[in-house]
Amino acid sequence: MDITTRRLKLRPVEAIPAEHRGQRMLRLTDPFRLSEAVLFAPMALVPVLQRLDGRHTFEDIKAQCKSRHGMDVTEESYRAMVSRLEEAHFLEGDGFASWSASIKDAYLSAPVRPNFLAGRSYDSDPARLRSHIDGFFKTADGPGMPARNSSSPAVPLRGVVAPHIDFHRGGSTFAWAYKSVAERADADLFVVLGTVHAPTKYIYNLTAKSFETPFGILETSAEFVEELSDRLEVNPFQDEFVHRGEHSIEFQAVFLQYLFADVRPVQFVPILVGSLHRFVAEGRSPRGDAQVETFIAALSETITAYRQNGRMVCLIASVDFAHVGPQFGDEDPVGEVRLKELAQADGKSLEAVCRGEAEAFYWSVAEDGDARNVCGLAPIYTMLRVLNDCEGEVLRYSQWPDPNGTVTFSSVALT
């Protein structure tokens, strides 16, 4: 069937305003990372993209764009746009279904999660990567190289907040978190609560796959994952594929292997945590929600059982804080006044984290409807509920002050 008579449907893609070649464009990417394509569409094409909903033919779109927006959509431009969308695998249909199924099947049948971002977000060569990470510790903003203590710390680290922004922007803040892990954690098992940036059916998403890194394989405790999943009433593997392209846990796996690959054996448990947005939208706390409470109880019980068997466990929340500016849907660029406001609001949230108060932290983010777009809300809330009684210190607070899209992040040690 000719594309002009088909009722085409755009997949759920992430659309973010961006500058491209001096023009205001819409940047289209796949939140599931099935497709690695990045497309830039002129803002004038937004009405056309909005009508790729499976209900409109080209003639429908052409007529509606003319009557409602006064714009002429030519068949030539429509065919060119559709061709680019199909090539990027951004349109639903039989071809996409077959292509995506083959990718999912290959990933889910593999015993190890490949280091998806090696060679793109960080160096794939272990020697160069180690030198690069060493620099995060040694820089003027860094904490200095971690000591390799052989004795148990007097007050072991129970949890840590670490960023998941890319290394080149957040490297020294990562270093502050992992110097604390190296010197103050007696754990042989690290439970990583990562932020998932794609929609999932269930808030908490497990995998038993170990993670490949340039420093070798970081082994996942399949036993812990099995015991945890057995305590749950929902299948936590139904969206396991989201682990494939998600960076928030991969970055922590790289740092854990950097620290421990040649020092002592450690395992980890990768858990991708979804959004608490519906609770924020409804103006209520997640406390009391069956899904949240069941998971927190199950994770707490599994950790307790491991500690009773002599295993040392430390939690890591892989999170960033504010995401503001036009890139994230705000109308105005980020200036100095807004940066100061963000620091104050983030400071209030971090104070609640350091007091170990999960509800106070939640409401510090949710009270204004999450105007800062804090992507670390769910992992930190979960970690504080599991730790139950803790106190902490902010090791480093950072801002990446881009007027178009500012991100804030921090490192916190919890004992």
Protein backbone atom coordinates (compact mmCIF):
# COMPACT_ATOMS: atom_id res chain seq x y z
CA MET A 1 0.00 0.00 0.00
CA ASP A 2 1.29 3.45 -0.91
CA ILE A 3 2.41 5.53 2.09
CA THR A 4 0.04 8.35 1.17
CA THR A 5 -2.97 6.08 1.70
CA ARG A 6 -1.67 4.35 4.83
CA ARG A 7 -2.66 5.54 8.28
CA LEU A 8 0.81 5.74 9.76
CA LYS A 9 1.51 5.73 13.49
CA LEU A 10 4.53 7.28 15.15
CA ARG A 11 6.04 5.19 17.93
CA PRO A 12 6.38 6.73 21.42
CA VAL A 13 9.52 8.77 20.77
CA GLU A 14 11.20 11.35 22.95
CA ALA A 15 10.79 14.80 21.39
CA ILE A 16 12.94 17.59 22.82
CA PRO A 17 13.37 21.14 21.46
CA ALA A 18 16.98 21.71 20.45
CA GLU A 19 19.25 23.95 18.40
CA HIS A 20 20.52 22.23 15.26
CA ARG A 21 22.58 23.98 12.62
CA GLY A 22 21.43 27.33 13.89
CA GLN A 23 17.73 26.48 13.78
CA ARG A 24 15.16 25.63 16.42
CA MET A 25 14.32 21.97 15.82
CA LEU A 26 12.66 19.02 17.48
CA ARG A 27 15.13 16.28 18.42
CA LEU A 28 13.57 12.82 18.11
CA THR A 29 15.06 9.76 19.82
CA ASP A 30 13.88 6.34 20.94
CA PRO A 31 13.51 6.16 24.76
CA PHE A 32 13.71 2.36 24.59
CA ARG A 33 17.05 2.58 22.71
CA LEU A 34 15.87 0.00 20.20
CA SER A 35 16.87 2.50 17.54
CA GLU A 36 19.98 4.59 17.96
CA ALA A 37 18.82 7.08 15.33
CA VAL A 38 18.62 10.78 16.16
CA LEU A 39 16.37 12.86 13.89
CA PHE A 40 15.90 16.61 13.81
CA ALA A 41 12.53 17.86 12.57
CA PRO A 42 11.69 21.52 11.86
CA MET A 43 9.21 22.90 14.39
CA ALA A 44 6.88 23.62 11.45
CA LEU A 45 6.41 19.87 11.01
CA VAL A 46 5.00 19.35 14.52
CA PRO A 47 1.36 19.46 13.29
CA VAL A 48 2.21 16.71 10.79
CA LEU A 49 3.96 14.56 13.40
CA GLN A 50 1.02 14.98 15.78
CA ARG A 51 -1.29 13.50 13.16
CA LEU A 52 0.79 10.36 12.65
CA ASP A 53 -1.50 8.60 15.11
CA GLY A 54 -2.78 5.67 13.04
CA ARG A 55 -5.98 7.47 12.05
CA HIS A 56 -4.98 9.87 9.28
CA THR A 57 -3.97 9.41 5.65
CA PHE A 58 -1.79 11.94 3.84
CA GLU A 59 -4.87 13.64 2.39
CA ASP A 60 -6.35 13.96 5.91
CA ILE A 61 -3.15 15.48 7.23
CA LYS A 62 -2.79 17.81 4.29
CA ALA A 63 -6.37 19.10 4.64
CA GLN A 64 -6.19 19.57 8.42
CA CYS A 65 -2.82 21.33 8.32
CA LYS A 66 -4.15 23.69 5.67
CA SER A 67 -7.42 24.52 7.46
CA ARG A 68 -6.10 24.71 11.03
CA HIS A 69 -2.53 25.94 10.60
CA GLY A 70 -2.50 27.57 7.18
CA MET A 71 0.38 25.37 6.05
CA ASP A 72 0.79 23.51 2.78
CA VAL A 73 2.13 19.96 3.10
CA THR A 74 3.37 18.68 -0.24
CA GLU A 75 3.39 15.02 -1.13
CA GLU A 76 7.12 15.23 -1.82
CA SER A 77 7.94 16.59 1.67
CA TYR A 78 5.59 14.07 3.29
CA ARG A 79 7.22 11.14 1.50
CA ALA A 80 10.68 12.39 2.45
CA MET A 81 9.68 12.72 6.12
CA VAL A 82 8.05 9.29 6.24
CA SER A 83 11.08 7.73 4.58
CA ARG A 84 13.38 9.15 7.29
CA LEU A 85 11.03 8.00 10.06
CA GLU A 86 10.81 4.48 8.64
CA GLU A 87 14.58 4.28 8.18
CA ALA A 88 14.99 5.27 11.84
CA HIS A 89 12.40 2.64 12.90
CA PHE A 90 10.21 5.34 14.44
CA LEU A 91 6.96 4.12 12.82
CA GLU A 92 4.87 1.22 14.03
CA GLY A 93 3.91 -1.61 11.69
CA ASP A 94 4.75 -5.17 10.72
CA GLY A 95 8.27 -4.27 9.65
CA PHE A 96 9.05 -2.61 12.93
CA ALA A 97 7.47 -5.43 14.95
CA SER A 98 9.63 -8.04 13.25
CA TRP A 99 12.79 -5.95 13.51
CA SER A 100 12.30 -5.06 17.19
CA ALA A 101 11.40 -8.65 18.15
CA SER A 102 14.69 -9.91 16.75
CA ILE A 103 16.64 -7.34 18.79
CA LYS A 104 14.75 -8.12 21.99
CA ASP A 105 15.10 -11.88 21.56
CA ALA A 106 18.84 -11.58 20.97
CA TYR A 107 19.32 -9.44 24.08
CA LEU A 108 17.11 -11.47 26.41
CA SER A 109 18.76 -14.75 25.39
CA ALA A 110 22.28 -13.42 26.00
CA PRO A 111 23.83 -14.35 29.37
CA VAL A 112 25.51 -10.96 29.86
CA ARG A 113 24.40 -7.38 29.25
CA PRO A 114 26.90 -5.82 26.80
CA ASN A 115 28.55 -2.52 27.74
CA PHE A 116 26.11 -0.60 25.57
CA LEU A 117 27.78 2.82 25.81
CA ALA A 118 31.45 1.85 25.69
CA GLY A 119 33.12 3.72 22.86
CA ARG A 120 30.34 6.30 22.85
CA SER A 121 29.85 7.73 26.34
CA TYR A 122 33.23 6.55 27.64
CA ASP A 123 36.39 4.93 26.30
CA SER A 124 36.19 1.22 25.52
CA ASP A 125 39.93 0.72 26.06
CA PRO A 126 40.47 -0.24 29.74
CA ALA A 127 43.85 1.48 30.10
CA ARG A 128 42.63 4.76 28.64
CA LEU A 129 39.38 4.55 30.60
CA ARG A 130 41.25 3.95 33.85
CA SER A 131 43.46 6.94 33.18
CA HIS A 132 40.41 9.03 32.38
CA ILE A 133 38.64 8.03 35.61
CA ASP A 134 41.84 8.58 37.62
CA GLY A 135 41.64 12.14 36.35
CA PHE A 136 38.18 12.60 37.88
CA PHE A 137 39.71 11.95 41.31
CA LYS A 138 42.85 14.02 40.72
CA THR A 139 41.24 17.13 39.23
CA ALA A 140 40.97 20.30 41.30
CA ASP A 141 37.26 19.54 41.82
CA GLY A 142 37.96 15.92 42.73
CA PRO A 143 38.46 14.29 46.14
CA GLY A 144 41.90 12.82 45.52
CA MET A 145 42.66 9.18 44.78
CA PRO A 146 40.91 6.71 47.12
CA ALA A 147 42.96 4.85 49.71
CA ARG A 148 42.88 1.07 49.53
CA ASN A 149 41.99 0.24 53.11
CA SER A 150 42.27 -3.39 54.16
CA SER A 151 40.65 -2.93 57.57
CA SER A 152 36.90 -2.60 58.09
CA PRO A 153 35.69 1.01 58.45
CA ALA A 154 34.56 2.07 61.92
CA VAL A 155 31.21 3.27 60.54
CA PRO A 156 30.48 1.32 57.33
CA LEU A 157 28.73 3.00 54.44
CA ARG A 158 25.14 1.77 54.11
CA GLY A 159 24.20 3.74 51.03
CA VAL A 160 25.41 6.32 48.58
CA VAL A 161 23.81 8.75 46.16
CA ALA A 162 25.81 9.00 42.92
CA PRO A 163 25.06 10.89 39.69
CA HIS A 164 24.24 9.29 36.37
CA ILE A 165 24.95 12.26 34.16
CA ASP A 166 27.57 11.52 31.48
CA PHE A 167 31.16 11.24 32.66
CA HIS A 168 32.52 14.35 30.98
CA ARG A 169 30.06 16.56 32.89
CA GLY A 170 29.83 14.66 36.17
CA GLY A 171 33.18 12.91 36.48
CA SER A 172 34.46 14.61 39.63
CA THR A 173 31.09 14.23 41.37
CA PHE A 174 31.14 10.50 40.58
CA ALA A 175 34.64 10.45 42.08
CA TRP A 176 33.42 11.92 45.39
CA ALA A 177 30.83 9.16 45.67
CA TYR A 178 33.23 6.37 44.80
CA LYS A 179 36.08 7.55 47.00
CA SER A 180 33.58 7.11 49.83
CA VAL A 181 32.65 3.65 48.53
CA ALA A 182 36.31 2.61 48.28
CA GLU A 183 37.24 3.81 51.76
CA ARG A 184 34.06 3.38 53.79
CA ALA A 185 32.08 0.47 52.34
CA ASP A 186 32.70 -3.02 53.64
CA ALA A 187 30.15 -4.46 51.21
CA ASP A 188 30.65 -7.42 48.93
CA LEU A 189 27.21 -6.85 47.41
CA PHE A 190 26.01 -3.54 45.98
CA VAL A 191 22.31 -3.02 45.24
CA VAL A 192 22.06 -0.33 42.55
CA LEU A 193 18.76 1.50 42.25
CA GLY A 194 18.95 3.16 38.85
CA THR A 195 16.64 5.63 37.17
CA VAL A 196 14.90 4.19 34.13
CA HIS A 197 14.33 6.75 31.38
CA ALA A 198 11.77 4.69 29.43
CA PRO A 199 8.17 3.90 30.41
CA THR A 200 7.65 0.57 32.19
CA LYS A 201 4.59 -1.39 33.31
CA TYR A 202 5.97 -2.02 36.81
CA ILE A 203 7.90 0.51 38.90
CA TYR A 204 10.71 -1.92 39.77
CA ASN A 205 12.49 -3.81 36.99
CA LEU A 206 14.97 -6.62 37.58
CA THR A 207 17.51 -8.51 35.53
CA ALA A 208 19.77 -11.42 36.47
CA LYS A 209 22.29 -10.56 33.74
CA SER A 210 25.82 -9.66 34.73
CA PHE A 211 27.16 -6.44 33.21
CA GLU A 212 30.07 -6.22 30.81
CA THR A 213 32.47 -3.32 31.37
CA PRO A 214 35.89 -2.48 29.84
CA PHE A 215 37.37 -3.63 33.17
CA GLY A 216 35.71 -7.05 32.95
CA ILE A 217 32.36 -8.56 33.90
CA LEU A 218 30.61 -7.24 37.01
CA GLU A 219 28.76 -10.27 38.28
CA THR A 220 25.12 -9.96 39.23
CA SER A 221 24.02 -12.02 42.23
CA ALA A 222 21.46 -14.24 40.50
CA GLU A 223 20.68 -15.79 43.89
CA PHE A 224 19.73 -12.42 45.38
CA VAL A 225 17.66 -11.51 42.32
CA GLU A 226 15.80 -14.82 42.51
CA GLU A 227 15.09 -14.47 46.23
CA LEU A 228 13.88 -10.91 45.73
CA SER A 229 11.62 -11.80 42.81
CA ASP A 230 10.15 -14.73 44.76
CA ARG A 231 8.95 -12.26 47.38
CA LEU A 232 7.07 -10.15 44.82
CA GLU A 233 3.52 -10.55 43.58
CA VAL A 234 4.26 -8.97 40.18
CA ASN A 235 6.62 -10.22 37.49
CA PRO A 236 9.60 -7.82 37.78
CA PHE A 237 11.15 -9.13 34.53
CA GLN A 238 8.32 -8.14 32.18
CA ASP A 239 10.23 -5.05 31.03
CA GLU A 240 13.72 -6.49 31.46
CA PHE A 241 14.67 -5.21 28.00
CA VAL A 242 14.86 -1.63 29.33
CA HIS A 243 18.17 -2.60 30.98
CA ARG A 244 19.77 -2.96 27.52
CA GLY A 245 20.17 0.72 26.67
CA GLU A 246 19.79 2.37 30.08
CA HIS A 247 22.88 4.28 31.19
CA SER A 248 22.09 4.92 34.85
CA ILE A 249 23.20 1.47 36.05
CA GLU A 250 25.87 0.96 33.40
CA PHE A 251 27.80 3.99 34.67
CA GLN A 252 27.77 2.62 38.24
CA ALA A 253 28.88 -0.80 37.00
CA VAL A 254 31.89 0.82 35.32
CA PHE A 255 32.89 2.61 38.53
CA LEU A 256 32.41 -0.48 40.70
CA GLN A 257 34.65 -2.52 38.40
CA TYR A 258 37.15 0.33 38.29
CA LEU A 259 37.39 0.16 42.10
CA PHE A 260 37.21 -3.55 42.79
CA ALA A 261 38.17 -5.61 39.71
CA ASP A 262 41.76 -6.06 40.93
CA VAL A 263 41.11 -5.59 44.66
CA ARG A 264 38.43 -7.99 45.88
CA PRO A 265 35.43 -9.84 44.43
CA VAL A 266 32.12 -8.03 44.62
CA GLN A 267 28.68 -8.65 43.14
CA PHE A 268 25.83 -6.31 42.45
CA VAL A 269 22.06 -6.27 41.94
CA PRO A 270 20.81 -3.97 39.14
CA ILE A 271 17.29 -2.59 39.71
CA LEU A 272 15.79 0.00 37.39
CA VAL A 273 13.22 2.15 39.17
CA GLY A 274 10.37 3.76 37.24
CA SER A 275 8.46 6.96 37.83
CA LEU A 276 6.42 8.09 40.85
CA HIS A 277 4.79 10.76 38.68
CA ARG A 278 1.25 9.52 39.18
CA PHE A 279 1.59 10.04 42.93
CA VAL A 280 2.98 13.53 42.38
CA ALA A 281 0.14 14.34 39.97
CA GLU A 282 -2.42 13.12 42.49
CA GLY A 283 -0.81 15.08 45.33
CA ARG A 284 -0.19 12.04 47.52
CA SER A 285 2.73 10.04 48.84
CA PRO A 286 3.67 6.59 47.48
CA ARG A 287 3.53 5.33 51.08
CA GLY A 288 0.73 2.82 51.37
CA ASP A 289 0.67 1.94 47.67
CA ALA A 290 0.62 -1.85 47.38
CA GLN A 291 3.20 -2.04 44.60
CA VAL A 292 5.66 0.25 46.38
CA GLU A 293 5.19 -1.25 49.83
CA THR A 294 5.49 -4.84 48.59
CA PHE A 295 8.74 -4.12 46.81
CA ILE A 296 10.30 -2.17 49.67
CA ALA A 297 9.38 -4.95 52.10
CA ALA A 298 10.74 -7.62 49.73
CA LEU A 299 14.03 -5.79 49.17
CA SER A 300 14.43 -5.11 52.90
CA GLU A 301 13.80 -8.76 53.77
CA THR A 302 16.22 -10.03 51.14
CA ILE A 303 18.96 -7.67 52.32
CA THR A 304 18.35 -8.69 55.94
CA ALA A 305 18.61 -12.37 55.04
CA TYR A 306 21.91 -11.76 53.25
CA ARG A 307 23.33 -9.83 56.19
CA GLN A 308 22.33 -12.62 58.55
CA ASN A 309 24.36 -14.96 56.35
CA GLY A 310 27.43 -12.77 56.76
CA ARG A 311 27.15 -10.79 53.52
CA MET A 312 27.78 -7.04 53.62
CA VAL A 313 25.35 -4.98 51.53
CA CYS A 314 25.50 -1.34 50.37
CA LEU A 315 22.86 0.51 48.34
CA ILE A 316 23.62 2.93 45.51
CA ALA A 317 21.02 5.35 44.14
CA SER A 318 22.03 6.32 40.61
CA VAL A 319 20.30 9.67 40.18
CA ASP A 320 20.42 13.23 39.00
CA PHE A 321 18.36 16.07 40.44
CA ALA A 322 16.93 19.02 38.49
CA HIS A 323 16.38 19.07 34.72
CA VAL A 324 15.22 22.55 33.70
CA GLY A 325 15.27 24.82 30.67
CA PRO A 326 13.73 24.70 27.17
CA GLN A 327 15.32 21.30 26.50
CA PHE A 328 13.15 19.90 29.29
CA GLY A 329 9.94 21.70 28.39
CA ASP A 330 10.39 25.05 30.16
CA GLU A 331 9.68 28.28 28.30
CA ASP A 332 12.61 30.36 29.57
CA PRO A 333 16.37 29.79 29.42
CA VAL A 334 18.14 29.16 32.72
CA GLY A 335 19.88 32.19 34.19
CA GLU A 336 21.77 32.99 37.40
CA VAL A 337 18.60 33.61 39.43
CA ARG A 338 17.18 30.23 38.42
CA LEU A 339 20.47 28.51 39.26
CA LYS A 340 20.35 29.95 42.77
CA GLU A 341 16.73 28.85 43.15
CA LEU A 342 17.69 25.35 42.06
CA ALA A 343 20.54 25.22 44.58
CA GLN A 344 18.14 26.21 47.36
CA ALA A 345 15.49 23.69 46.34
CA ASP A 346 18.06 20.92 45.85
CA GLY A 347 19.57 21.84 49.22
CA LYS A 348 16.22 21.30 50.92
CA SER A 349 15.92 17.89 49.27
CA LEU A 350 19.48 16.92 50.21
CA GLU A 351 18.89 17.95 53.83
CA ALA A 352 15.97 15.50 53.96
CA VAL A 353 18.17 12.78 52.43
CA CYS A 354 20.87 13.40 55.03
CA ARG A 355 18.27 13.11 57.79
CA GLY A 356 17.15 9.81 56.31
CA GLU A 357 13.58 11.09 55.97
CA ALA A 358 11.98 9.52 52.92
CA GLU A 359 8.67 11.36 53.21
CA ALA A 360 10.29 14.75 53.73
CA PHE A 361 12.48 14.11 50.69
CA TYR A 362 9.48 13.08 48.60
CA TRP A 363 7.49 16.20 49.49
CA SER A 364 10.49 18.47 48.92
CA VAL A 365 10.20 17.37 45.29
CA ALA A 366 6.45 16.81 44.96
CA GLU A 367 5.10 19.87 46.77
CA ASP A 368 5.32 22.02 43.62
CA GLY A 369 4.41 19.22 41.23
CA ASP A 370 8.08 18.36 40.65
CA ALA A 371 8.79 21.63 38.84
CA ARG A 372 12.51 20.75 38.85
CA ASN A 373 11.93 17.42 37.00
CA VAL A 374 13.96 15.47 39.56
CA CYS A 375 14.67 12.13 37.89
CA GLY A 376 16.12 10.69 41.10
CA LEU A 377 12.89 10.89 43.08
CA ALA A 378 11.90 7.21 42.95
CA PRO A 379 15.34 5.58 43.53
CA ILE A 380 16.20 7.87 46.47
CA TYR A 381 12.76 7.48 48.05
CA THR A 382 13.08 3.70 47.75
CA MET A 383 16.60 3.65 49.18
CA LEU A 384 15.67 5.78 52.19
CA ARG A 385 12.66 3.58 52.91
CA VAL A 386 14.82 0.43 52.75
CA LEU A 387 17.60 1.90 54.90
CA ASN A 388 14.88 3.09 57.29
CA ASP A 389 17.21 4.71 59.83
CA CYS A 390 20.22 6.51 58.44
CA GLU A 391 22.03 9.81 58.36
CA GLY A 392 24.26 11.27 55.71
CA GLU A 393 26.53 13.98 54.45
CA VAL A 394 26.65 15.75 51.12
CA LEU A 395 30.05 15.06 49.59
CA ARG A 396 29.59 17.17 46.49
CA TYR A 397 26.81 19.22 44.88
CA SER A 398 27.16 20.22 41.23
CA GLN A 399 25.32 22.09 38.51
CA TRP A 400 25.83 21.91 34.76
CA PRO A 401 24.57 25.42 33.92
CA ASP A 402 23.40 25.28 30.32
CA PRO A 403 20.79 28.01 29.59
CA ASN A 404 18.97 25.60 27.28
CA GLY A 405 19.08 22.60 29.61
CA THR A 406 20.57 22.69 33.11
CA VAL A 407 21.11 19.50 35.13
CA THR A 408 22.02 19.33 38.82
CA PHE A 409 23.48 16.32 40.63
CA SER A 410 25.16 15.33 43.86
CA SER A 411 27.05 12.70 45.81
CA VAL A 412 25.90 11.75 49.31
CA ALA A 413 27.27 9.20 51.79
CA LEU A 414 24.77 7.48 54.12
CA THR A 415 25.66 5.60 57.30
